[in-house]
Protein backbone atom coordinates (compact mmCIF):
# COMPACT_ATOMS: atom_id res chain seq x y z
CA MET A 1 -0.03 0.13 -0.02
CA GLY A 2 3.13 2.35 0.16
CA LEU A 3 2.91 2.59 -3.49
CA GLN A 4 0.18 5.10 -2.92
CA PRO A 5 0.81 8.70 -2.16
CA LYS A 6 -0.30 9.74 1.14
CA THR A 7 -2.13 13.14 0.14
CA VAL A 8 -3.36 14.25 -2.82
CA ILE A 9 -4.66 17.78 -4.22
CA VAL A 10 -8.78 17.90 -4.06
CA VAL A 11 -10.76 20.35 -6.56
CA GLN A 12 -13.38 21.76 -4.45
CA ALA A 13 -16.89 23.09 -6.32
CA ASP A 14 -15.76 26.65 -6.18
CA GLY A 15 -12.61 25.67 -8.15
CA THR A 16 -10.17 26.09 -4.99
CA GLU A 17 -7.30 23.31 -4.25
CA LYS A 18 -7.28 21.52 -1.31
CA GLN A 19 -4.27 18.98 -0.04
CA THR A 20 -6.46 16.23 1.41
CA ALA A 21 -5.07 13.06 3.30
CA ILE A 22 -6.01 9.63 0.94
CA GLU A 23 -8.22 8.23 3.21
CA ASP A 24 -10.36 11.45 3.41
CA VAL A 25 -10.87 11.37 -0.71
CA SER A 26 -14.48 9.89 -1.44
CA ALA A 27 -15.84 8.44 -4.92
CA GLY A 28 -16.69 11.39 -7.03
CA ASP A 29 -14.24 13.76 -5.76
CA VAL A 30 -12.31 15.70 -8.52
CA ILE A 31 -8.12 15.23 -8.27
CA LEU A 32 -5.71 17.05 -9.90
CA VAL A 33 -2.36 15.28 -11.04
CA LYS A 34 0.72 17.22 -11.66
CA PRO A 35 3.98 15.90 -13.72
CA GLY A 36 5.92 12.85 -12.17
CA GLU A 37 2.80 12.30 -9.39
CA LYS A 38 1.21 9.16 -8.77
CA ILE A 39 -2.50 8.74 -9.06
CA ALA A 40 -3.78 7.86 -5.68
CA VAL A 41 -7.26 6.29 -6.75
CA ASP A 42 -9.04 4.59 -9.77
CA GLY A 43 -11.24 7.03 -11.62
CA MET A 44 -12.00 8.89 -14.78
CA VAL A 45 -10.34 11.30 -16.76
CA ILE A 46 -12.01 14.77 -16.99
CA SER A 47 -9.94 17.27 -18.38
CA GLY A 48 -6.38 17.46 -19.89
CA ASN A 49 -4.22 14.95 -20.99
CA SER A 50 -0.83 13.23 -20.41
CA TYR A 51 0.84 9.69 -20.71
CA VAL A 52 0.90 7.43 -17.47
CA ASP A 53 3.38 4.84 -16.83
CA GLU A 54 1.21 1.38 -16.68
CA SER A 55 3.82 -0.68 -16.57
CA MET A 56 3.66 -1.65 -13.08
CA LEU A 57 0.18 -3.12 -13.37
CA SER A 58 -0.10 -3.84 -17.25
CA GLY A 59 3.49 -4.96 -18.05
CA GLU A 60 3.30 -3.02 -21.40
CA PRO A 61 6.94 -0.67 -21.19
CA VAL A 62 5.19 2.17 -23.11
CA PRO A 63 2.99 4.74 -21.05
CA VAL A 64 -0.26 5.27 -22.20
CA LEU A 65 -2.01 8.42 -23.57
CA LYS A 66 -4.86 9.49 -21.34
CA LYS A 67 -7.37 11.76 -22.00
CA GLU A 68 -10.98 12.65 -21.57
CA LYS A 69 -13.32 9.60 -20.49
CA GLU A 70 -10.27 7.42 -20.16
CA LYS A 71 -9.66 5.24 -16.72
CA VAL A 72 -6.53 5.79 -14.52
CA PHE A 73 -5.49 3.33 -11.92
CA ALA A 74 -3.95 3.89 -8.25
CA GLY A 75 -0.45 3.22 -8.23
CA THR A 76 0.75 4.69 -11.87
CA ILE A 77 2.79 7.15 -12.82
CA ASN A 78 1.94 9.92 -14.37
CA GLN A 79 4.38 11.23 -17.21
CA LYS A 80 4.82 14.87 -17.75
CA GLY A 81 1.56 16.75 -18.54
CA SER A 82 -1.43 17.27 -15.62
CA PHE A 83 -5.16 16.38 -15.73
CA ARG A 84 -7.98 15.89 -13.49
CA PHE A 85 -10.11 13.09 -12.77
CA ARG A 86 -12.83 12.10 -11.25
CA ALA A 87 -12.68 9.51 -8.26
CA VAL A 88 -14.37 6.27 -9.14
CA LYS A 89 -13.12 3.84 -6.99
CA VAL A 90 -11.45 4.60 -3.62
CA GLY A 91 -9.36 2.59 -0.89
CA LYS A 92 -9.74 -0.95 -0.70
CA GLU A 93 -11.94 -0.54 -4.26
CA THR A 94 -8.85 0.16 -6.26
CA MET A 95 -7.04 -2.37 -8.67
CA LEU A 96 -3.52 -1.98 -6.60
CA ALA A 97 -5.92 -2.99 -3.32
CA HIS A 98 -6.85 -5.79 -5.05
CA ILE A 99 -3.98 -6.98 -6.19
CA ILE A 100 -2.42 -6.35 -2.77
CA LYS A 101 -5.48 -8.62 -1.15
CA MET A 102 -4.83 -11.50 -3.76
CA VAL A 103 -1.26 -11.86 -2.80
CA GLN A 104 -1.99 -11.92 0.81
CA ASP A 105 -4.64 -14.93 0.17
CA ALA A 106 -2.01 -16.72 -1.96
CA GLN A 107 0.60 -16.17 0.86
CA GLY A 108 -1.46 -17.40 3.49
CA SER A 109 -3.07 -20.43 1.47
CA LYS A 110 0.76 -21.84 1.65
CA ALA A 111 0.98 -24.74 4.29
CA PRO A 112 4.97 -25.13 5.25
CA VAL A 113 6.69 -28.27 4.07
CA GLN A 114 7.46 -31.12 7.09
CA LYS A 115 11.09 -31.53 6.99
CA LEU A 116 12.42 -34.83 6.92
CA VAL A 117 15.03 -34.03 9.81
CA ASP A 118 12.05 -33.37 12.24
CA ARG A 119 10.54 -36.80 11.32
CA ILE A 120 13.67 -38.58 11.72
CA ALA A 121 14.60 -37.12 15.11
CA GLY A 122 11.07 -37.57 16.66
CA ILE A 123 11.75 -41.15 16.08
CA PHE A 124 15.39 -41.25 16.62
CA VAL A 125 15.58 -39.80 20.24
CA PRO A 126 12.97 -42.33 22.08
CA THR A 127 14.76 -44.96 19.92
CA VAL A 128 18.09 -44.61 21.56
CA ILE A 129 16.87 -44.02 24.63
CA GLY A 130 14.85 -47.54 24.43
CA ILE A 131 18.22 -48.91 23.34
CA ALA A 132 20.13 -47.70 26.43
CA ILE A 133 17.54 -49.32 28.48
CA LEU A 134 17.66 -52.31 26.78
CA THR A 135 21.38 -52.71 26.77
CA PHE A 136 21.48 -51.69 30.51
CA THR A 137 18.62 -54.58 30.72
CA LEU A 138 20.69 -57.20 29.03
CA TRP A 139 24.22 -56.11 30.62
CA LEU A 140 21.69 -56.91 34.32
CA ILE A 141 20.44 -60.15 33.10
CA LEU A 142 23.71 -61.39 31.16
CA GLY A 143 26.39 -59.49 32.50
CA GLY A 144 27.30 -61.73 35.48
CA GLU A 145 28.75 -60.24 38.89
CA ASN A 146 29.74 -57.02 37.01
CA GLY A 147 26.37 -56.79 35.10
CA VAL A 148 25.38 -53.24 36.68
CA VAL A 149 28.61 -51.53 36.27
CA GLN A 150 29.06 -52.66 32.64
CA GLY A 151 25.59 -52.45 31.65
CA LEU A 152 25.58 -48.34 33.01
CA LEU A 153 28.71 -47.74 31.25
CA ALA A 154 27.33 -49.22 28.25
CA ALA A 155 24.12 -47.46 28.62
CA VAL A 156 25.86 -43.69 28.81
CA THR A 157 28.43 -44.93 25.94
CA VAL A 158 25.10 -45.56 23.80
CA LEU A 159 23.47 -42.14 24.69
CA VAL A 160 26.68 -40.28 24.31
CA ILE A 161 27.57 -41.59 20.76
CA ALA A 162 24.16 -41.38 19.67
CA CYS A 163 23.44 -37.60 20.73
CA PRO A 164 21.82 -36.52 17.71
CA CYS A 165 24.06 -33.87 16.66
CA ALA A 166 25.40 -34.62 13.48
CA LEU A 167 21.72 -35.70 12.13
CA GLY A 168 20.69 -32.10 13.83
CA LEU A 169 23.73 -30.28 11.65
CA ALA A 170 22.89 -32.04 8.56
CA THR A 171 20.39 -29.96 7.33
CA PRO A 172 21.39 -26.36 8.61
CA THR A 173 24.43 -26.48 7.81
CA ALA A 174 24.17 -27.22 4.32
CA ILE A 175 21.52 -24.55 4.27
CA MET A 176 23.67 -22.00 5.55
CA VAL A 177 26.59 -22.43 3.32
CA GLY A 178 23.94 -22.78 0.28
CA VAL A 179 22.18 -19.64 0.93
CA GLY A 180 25.49 -17.25 1.50
CA LYS A 181 26.73 -19.09 -2.11
CA GLY A 182 23.93 -17.74 -3.39
CA ALA A 183 24.41 -14.40 -1.52
CA GLU A 184 27.93 -14.35 -3.44
CA ASN A 185 26.55 -15.16 -6.68
CA GLY A 186 23.96 -12.26 -6.57
CA ILE A 187 21.00 -14.81 -5.27
CA LEU A 188 19.17 -13.75 -2.21
CA ILE A 189 17.38 -16.58 -0.83
CA LYS A 190 14.86 -15.93 1.74
CA ASP A 191 14.21 -19.11 3.27
CA ALA A 192 15.24 -23.24 2.97
CA GLU A 193 12.15 -24.32 1.35
CA SER A 194 12.86 -22.56 -1.74
CA LEU A 195 16.20 -23.65 -1.74
CA GLU A 196 14.95 -27.20 -1.68
CA LEU A 197 12.35 -27.06 -3.82
CA ALA A 198 13.97 -25.43 -6.92
CA LYS A 199 15.58 -28.57 -7.78
CA LYS A 200 12.62 -29.75 -8.31
CA VAL A 201 11.29 -27.13 -10.45
CA ASN A 202 10.06 -28.28 -14.22
CA ALA A 203 7.82 -25.36 -15.46
CA ILE A 204 9.38 -21.71 -15.40
CA VAL A 205 6.94 -18.80 -15.94
CA LEU A 206 8.45 -15.77 -17.41
CA ASP A 207 7.23 -12.07 -16.85
CA LYS A 208 8.50 -10.04 -20.48
CA THR A 209 9.00 -6.58 -19.45
CA GLY A 210 11.74 -6.01 -17.00
CA THR A 211 12.47 -9.69 -16.75
CA ILE A 212 13.42 -10.90 -20.25
CA THR A 213 13.49 -7.23 -21.84
CA GLU A 214 15.03 -4.21 -20.46
CA GLY A 215 11.78 -2.65 -19.39
CA ARG A 216 12.39 0.58 -20.85
CA PRO A 217 11.97 1.39 -24.72
CA GLN A 218 14.85 2.19 -26.59
CA VAL A 219 16.29 3.47 -29.96
CA THR A 220 17.24 0.10 -32.08
CA GLY A 221 17.72 2.07 -35.00
CA ILE A 222 17.42 4.76 -37.47
CA LYS A 223 17.10 5.18 -41.22
CA TRP A 224 18.03 8.49 -42.79
CA LEU A 225 17.13 9.17 -46.42
CA ASN A 226 20.17 8.56 -48.74
CA ASN A 227 22.01 8.32 -45.31
CA GLU A 228 22.14 11.69 -44.72
CA ASP A 229 21.87 12.92 -41.14
CA THR A 230 22.61 16.61 -41.22
CA ALA A 231 19.31 17.15 -39.30
CA LYS A 232 19.91 15.37 -36.37
CA GLU A 233 20.21 18.12 -34.48
CA ILE A 234 16.66 19.13 -35.20
CA LEU A 235 15.31 16.03 -34.41
CA LEU A 236 17.34 15.93 -31.05
CA SER A 237 15.68 19.75 -30.33
CA ILE A 238 12.22 18.78 -31.17
CA GLU A 239 11.74 15.45 -29.07
CA LYS A 240 13.90 17.59 -26.04
CA GLN A 241 10.70 19.53 -26.11
CA SER A 242 8.42 16.71 -26.45
CA GLU A 243 6.16 15.16 -23.12
CA HIS A 244 6.00 12.37 -25.09
CA PRO A 245 7.55 9.18 -23.43
CA LEU A 246 8.71 7.85 -26.41
CA ALA A 247 10.72 10.93 -27.11
CA GLU A 248 13.02 10.07 -24.04
CA ALA A 249 14.48 7.20 -26.14
CA VAL A 250 15.54 9.09 -28.89
CA VAL A 251 17.17 11.75 -26.66
CA LYS A 252 19.03 9.45 -24.96
CA HIS A 253 19.98 7.53 -28.18
CA LEU A 254 21.23 11.16 -29.69
CA ASP A 255 23.05 12.40 -26.35
CA ASP A 256 26.25 13.08 -28.12
CA VAL A 257 24.55 15.58 -30.64
CA ALA A 258 24.20 19.40 -30.26
CA THR A 259 20.45 20.92 -30.11
CA THR A 260 19.49 23.86 -31.72
CA SER A 261 17.21 26.54 -31.79
CA LEU A 262 13.64 26.18 -32.70
CA SER A 263 10.69 28.48 -33.23
CA MET A 264 6.40 27.81 -32.85
CA PHE A 265 7.11 23.95 -31.30
CA ASP A 266 3.61 22.80 -30.81
CA SER A 267 2.87 19.07 -29.36
CA ILE A 268 0.39 17.38 -31.24
CA THR A 269 -1.90 14.92 -28.93
CA GLY A 270 -1.58 11.62 -29.99
CA LYS A 271 0.28 12.17 -33.00
CA GLY A 272 3.82 13.69 -32.28
CA ALA A 273 4.92 16.99 -32.52
CA LYS A 274 6.16 19.74 -34.78
CA ALA A 275 8.49 23.16 -34.77
CA ASP A 276 10.40 25.46 -37.01
CA HIS A 277 13.70 25.97 -37.85
CA ASP A 278 15.14 28.57 -40.80
CA ASN A 279 11.65 29.07 -42.27
CA GLU A 280 11.18 25.22 -42.61
CA THR A 281 8.57 23.17 -40.65
CA TYR A 282 9.95 20.01 -39.02
CA TYR A 283 7.36 16.94 -37.92
CA VAL A 284 8.26 14.13 -35.50
CA GLY A 285 5.68 11.62 -35.01
CA ASN A 286 3.26 8.46 -36.52
CA LYS A 287 2.53 8.30 -40.09
CA LYS A 288 -0.79 9.48 -40.19
CA LEU A 289 0.84 13.22 -39.12
CA LEU A 290 2.88 12.92 -42.21
CA ALA A 291 -0.47 11.58 -44.19
CA GLU A 292 -2.11 14.80 -42.68
CA ASN A 293 0.45 17.17 -43.86
CA ASN A 294 0.68 15.42 -47.31
CA ILE A 295 4.64 14.33 -47.00
CA ALA A 296 6.06 12.24 -48.95
CA ILE A 297 7.77 8.92 -48.01
CA ALA A 298 10.94 7.51 -50.30
CA GLY A 299 11.07 3.53 -50.93
CA GLU A 300 13.61 2.87 -48.87
CA LEU A 301 11.98 4.28 -45.64
CA GLN A 302 8.90 2.80 -46.08
CA ASP A 303 10.47 -0.71 -46.77
CA GLN A 304 12.26 -0.40 -43.73
CA ALA A 305 9.46 0.71 -41.61
CA GLU A 306 7.97 -2.34 -42.56
CA GLU A 307 10.30 -4.40 -41.80
CA TRP A 308 11.10 -3.23 -38.22
CA GLY A 309 6.74 -3.38 -38.21
CA LYS A 310 7.05 -7.10 -38.69
CA GLN A 311 9.38 -7.17 -35.77
CA SER A 312 6.69 -5.32 -33.99
CA LYS A 313 9.15 -2.34 -33.16
CA THR A 314 7.31 1.02 -32.64
CA VAL A 315 8.22 3.23 -35.78
CA ILE A 316 8.47 7.05 -35.40
CA TRP A 317 9.01 9.47 -38.08
CA PHE A 318 11.07 12.58 -38.71
CA ALA A 319 9.94 14.98 -41.38
CA ASN A 320 10.33 18.16 -43.16
CA SER A 321 7.38 19.91 -45.05
CA LYS A 322 8.12 18.34 -48.15
CA LYS A 323 9.43 14.65 -47.35
CA ALA A 324 10.11 12.08 -44.64
CA LEU A 325 14.14 12.19 -43.89
CA ALA A 326 14.29 9.48 -41.60
CA VAL A 327 12.60 6.44 -39.61
CA ILE A 328 12.96 5.48 -36.55
CA ALA A 329 12.57 2.37 -34.44
CA ILE A 330 11.56 1.77 -30.70
CA ALA A 331 11.27 -1.03 -28.47
CA ASP A 332 11.98 -2.43 -25.11
CA LYS A 333 15.33 -4.37 -25.99
CA ILE A 334 15.71 -8.03 -24.85
CA LYS A 335 18.41 -8.22 -22.17
CA GLU A 336 22.05 -9.43 -23.65
CA THR A 337 21.90 -12.63 -21.61
CA SER A 338 18.06 -13.85 -21.91
CA VAL A 339 18.70 -15.77 -24.73
CA ARG A 340 21.59 -17.69 -23.06
CA ALA A 341 19.71 -18.41 -19.93
CA ILE A 342 16.84 -19.21 -21.79
CA ARG A 343 18.78 -21.62 -23.93
CA GLU A 344 20.38 -22.85 -20.63
CA MET A 345 17.14 -23.73 -18.85
CA GLN A 346 15.26 -25.82 -22.21
CA GLU A 347 18.77 -27.71 -22.10
CA MET A 348 18.03 -28.50 -18.15
CA GLY A 349 14.61 -29.98 -19.49
CA ILE A 350 12.53 -27.04 -17.81
CA ASP A 351 9.10 -26.24 -19.91
CA LEU A 352 9.35 -22.49 -20.28
CA TYR A 353 5.85 -20.01 -20.54
CA MET A 354 6.02 -16.46 -21.51
CA LEU A 355 3.30 -14.24 -20.03
CA THR A 356 2.85 -10.43 -20.77
CA GLY A 357 0.33 -7.88 -20.40
CA ASP A 358 1.96 -6.56 -23.84
CA ASN A 359 -0.11 -7.12 -27.47
CA GLU A 360 0.35 -10.12 -29.24
CA ALA A 361 2.56 -9.40 -32.01
CA THR A 362 5.04 -8.10 -29.65
CA ALA A 363 4.86 -11.10 -27.53
CA LYS A 364 5.42 -13.37 -30.80
CA ALA A 365 8.22 -11.32 -31.73
CA ILE A 366 9.92 -11.68 -28.38
CA ALA A 367 9.15 -15.68 -28.12
CA GLU A 368 10.74 -16.12 -31.61
CA GLN A 369 13.49 -13.75 -30.78
CA THR A 370 14.49 -15.85 -27.44
CA GLY A 371 13.27 -19.63 -28.74
CA ILE A 372 9.98 -19.82 -26.27
CA LYS A 373 7.85 -22.06 -27.16
CA HIS A 374 4.71 -21.08 -25.37
CA TYR A 375 3.55 -17.51 -24.80
CA LYS A 376 0.68 -15.75 -23.79
CA ALA A 377 -0.01 -11.78 -24.77
CA GLU A 378 -2.48 -9.43 -22.68
CA VAL A 379 -2.55 -11.41 -19.60
CA LEU A 380 -4.01 -9.38 -16.68
CA PRO A 381 -2.50 -9.42 -13.36
CA GLN A 382 -4.84 -12.40 -12.09
CA HIS A 383 -4.87 -14.50 -14.93
CA LYS A 384 -1.06 -15.13 -14.35
CA ALA A 385 -1.96 -16.37 -11.01
CA ASP A 386 -4.41 -18.51 -12.46
CA PHE A 387 -1.77 -19.71 -15.19
CA VAL A 388 0.15 -20.84 -12.38
CA LYS A 389 -2.54 -23.08 -10.90
CA GLU A 390 -3.24 -24.34 -13.97
CA LEU A 391 0.27 -25.55 -14.32
CA GLN A 392 0.71 -26.45 -10.62
CA SER A 393 -2.81 -28.94 -11.20
CA LYS A 394 -1.04 -30.48 -14.07
CA GLY A 395 1.94 -31.75 -11.54
CA LYS A 396 4.34 -29.15 -12.74
CA VAL A 397 6.57 -27.77 -9.98
CA VAL A 398 6.25 -24.02 -11.11
CA ALA A 399 8.66 -21.10 -10.75
CA MET A 400 7.41 -17.53 -11.56
CA VAL A 401 9.59 -14.73 -12.35
CA GLY A 402 8.81 -11.34 -12.59
CA ASP A 403 9.60 -7.89 -11.51
CA GLY A 404 6.31 -5.83 -11.22
CA ILE A 405 3.36 -5.05 -9.44
CA ASN A 406 1.48 -7.09 -12.02
CA ASP A 407 3.69 -10.27 -11.42
CA SER A 408 3.11 -10.36 -7.08
CA THR A 409 0.17 -12.62 -7.00
CA ALA A 410 1.48 -15.17 -9.66
CA LEU A 411 4.88 -14.99 -7.33
CA ALA A 412 3.01 -15.98 -4.32
CA THR A 413 1.25 -18.70 -5.84
CA ALA A 414 4.33 -20.33 -7.55
CA ASP A 415 6.23 -23.21 -5.67
CA VAL A 416 9.08 -21.09 -6.46
CA SER A 417 9.04 -17.29 -6.75
CA ILE A 418 11.98 -14.98 -8.15
CA ALA A 419 11.79 -11.43 -8.42
CA MET A 420 14.64 -9.03 -10.26
CA GLY A 421 16.59 -6.99 -8.11
CA LYS A 422 15.40 -4.02 -10.21
CA GLY A 423 11.94 -4.28 -10.45
CA SER A 424 9.26 -3.09 -7.40
CA ASP A 425 9.66 -3.66 -3.99
CA ILE A 426 6.06 -5.36 -3.75
CA ALA A 427 7.13 -8.09 -6.12
CA MET A 428 10.85 -8.55 -3.90
CA ASP A 429 8.95 -8.48 -0.94
CA VAL A 430 6.58 -11.26 -2.07
CA ALA A 431 9.36 -13.14 -4.02
CA LYS A 432 11.14 -16.00 -1.97
CA MET A 433 14.42 -15.87 -4.14
CA THR A 434 15.69 -12.30 -5.60
CA ILE A 435 18.39 -12.01 -8.72
CA ILE A 436 19.92 -8.91 -7.58
CA SER A 437 21.06 -8.10 -10.90
CA SER A 438 18.23 -8.82 -12.99
CA ASP A 439 20.22 -11.17 -14.96
CA LEU A 440 18.09 -14.31 -16.05
CA THR A 441 21.40 -16.30 -16.41
CA LYS A 442 21.17 -16.57 -12.34
CA ILE A 443 18.26 -18.98 -12.19
CA PRO A 444 19.58 -22.12 -14.00
CA GLN A 445 22.96 -21.14 -11.07
CA ALA A 446 20.21 -20.98 -8.56
CA ILE A 447 18.66 -24.41 -9.68
CA ARG A 448 22.33 -26.12 -9.76
CA LEU A 449 22.92 -24.56 -6.18
CA SER A 450 19.72 -26.52 -4.98
CA LYS A 451 20.87 -29.48 -6.72
CA GLN A 452 23.72 -29.37 -4.86
CA THR A 453 22.63 -28.32 -1.46
CA VAL A 454 19.76 -31.02 -1.63
CA ALA A 455 22.77 -33.47 -2.33
CA THR A 456 25.01 -32.19 0.57
CA ILE A 457 22.09 -32.42 2.94
CA LYS A 458 21.67 -36.29 1.80
CA GLN A 459 24.97 -37.33 1.92
CA ASN A 460 25.09 -35.50 5.58
CA LEU A 461 22.31 -37.48 6.81
CA PHE A 462 23.64 -40.83 5.60
CA TRP A 463 26.65 -40.44 6.90
CA ALA A 464 24.98 -39.32 10.27
CA PHE A 465 22.45 -42.18 9.92
CA ILE A 466 25.29 -45.03 9.47
CA TYR A 467 27.42 -43.80 12.06
CA ASN A 468 24.46 -44.07 14.29
CA VAL A 469 23.71 -47.42 12.77
CA ILE A 470 27.64 -48.85 13.30
CA GLY A 471 28.23 -46.83 16.15
CA ILE A 472 25.78 -47.25 18.78
CA PRO A 473 25.69 -51.79 18.50
CA VAL A 474 29.58 -51.48 19.05
CA ALA A 475 28.71 -48.88 22.51
CA ALA A 476 26.00 -51.15 23.38
CA GLY A 477 28.56 -53.91 23.57
CA ILE A 478 27.65 -56.28 20.53
CA LEU A 479 31.42 -57.53 19.88
CA TYR A 480 32.02 -57.76 23.54
CA PRO A 481 31.03 -61.76 23.19
CA VAL A 482 33.31 -62.06 20.39
CA ASN A 483 35.94 -60.34 21.32
CA GLY A 484 35.81 -58.87 24.43
CA PHE A 485 35.95 -55.21 23.02
CA LEU A 486 33.92 -52.46 24.92
CA LEU A 487 34.21 -48.68 24.23
CA ASN A 488 35.13 -46.22 26.20
CA PRO A 489 33.02 -43.32 26.79
CA MET A 490 35.40 -40.86 26.64
CA ILE A 491 35.96 -42.61 23.06
CA ALA A 492 32.46 -42.33 22.20
CA GLY A 493 32.71 -38.68 23.16
CA ALA A 494 35.35 -37.88 20.57
CA ALA A 495 33.40 -40.48 18.19
CA MET A 496 30.36 -37.89 18.39
CA ALA A 497 32.00 -34.72 18.12
CA LEU A 498 33.97 -36.21 14.55
CA SER A 499 30.72 -37.17 13.47
CA SER A 500 30.10 -33.73 13.90
CA VAL A 501 32.83 -32.19 12.02
CA SER A 502 32.62 -34.48 9.12
CA VAL A 503 28.79 -33.13 8.19
CA VAL A 504 30.06 -29.46 8.81
CA SER A 505 33.11 -30.20 6.77
CA ASN A 506 30.90 -31.88 3.97
CA SER A 507 28.75 -28.82 4.02
CA LEU A 508 31.41 -26.72 3.87
CA ARG A 509 32.53 -28.53 0.42
CA LEU A 510 29.46 -26.37 -1.50
CA LYS A 511 31.53 -23.17 -0.99
CA TRP A 512 34.07 -24.92 -3.98
CA LYS A 513 31.58 -26.18 -5.90
CA LYS A 514 30.62 -24.47 -9.47
């Protein structure tokens, strides 16, 4: 709920503006949203327009234009414009509040897994006490004149050598080393359960925006007419004044170019912007803007735009009053390591699924470029959690990987939840693992670490168990009728300590594994 602002500006009936606490806002109030502010409640725009970043709810990386009669949602971030909207849903009725409630429900529905060692210890301790009493009784009956002394010594030796330290240390030492090794490699693990369970994962659900991709629009290519880029200063100068979110990507791309003076700058809502320079008008925007001003488009630029369109990239045009001068492709770039990580996970025999709030064409293009066979587009937050449950009902052990508020319900529902460290706080709070660098190659590493840790736990339990199986009969005096050997309680104490040392040493071997 920290994603909501604490106060908002409510416009009174007489037109005055009043700073109001969020809990005092009622449905029907008119709220003013200034540039850069978070939207406090769900509502409908009644005047003004702006671009709003809804990526934390929808997963769509490009901010959405909001004008009259458009819906806005709590927790989303206004960009450079300002507008007024009428509150429709407040408090627990907002979409953000619903998502938080679903997360809490999903977290509360998980039962803790009963640990193997608890079960063993529950049987082990009374069994050992029973063996010690039986040992004393048998020595008392069969031990002759020294039966009481020898029986007492043998019973104590059984209790000393069978001290369940090794069994008790088997799991926590391995997990402690495993969690520490994960942290060294940039994988933060909140609990032992997810570390143990990760080795069983056979289906991974990946969010697209911010997980597979960078999560922010970037220029992926510029095609200039006849390769002449002499007007790039004008392009940069127009985009620097534009409020459109995609303009920032162009400004970042041309950061080494100098600006020039412009006049008559005009932002054209939903289409782009125009400005004058040296008695010539220049336009930056979509194809509709060029068509409305009868601007000619050369074949080479048209072909390039169509090719980028097939790759589901957003295309922006730059033109003067007569002809198009350049076409620019903008897309949410795939992280450099994503393709390698996806291939690695597929080689491990894991089924991969990509879910995104983005459109079908973009989802298909990203899936093809990364080699993901299963994907779903235009997925709402609740549907992500439903999809995880659907996979679980088929017997899959599911890991969910995401970075946004829209992923948090699915993260809470999944068997193993993994958040990207550069994502939202709520995703990291819900997830049991966090990848600090947001690098997908860390996921196969986490699975390998899980396998190594579980293998070490099993080895520890095996040696602790075998040690007790051999040590207890010897301590009880089973060799006495054969060769007269009786184990000294002091040696039994040393042997018991040695078993604990061997378990800890075996756990520490994890540190040197790759």
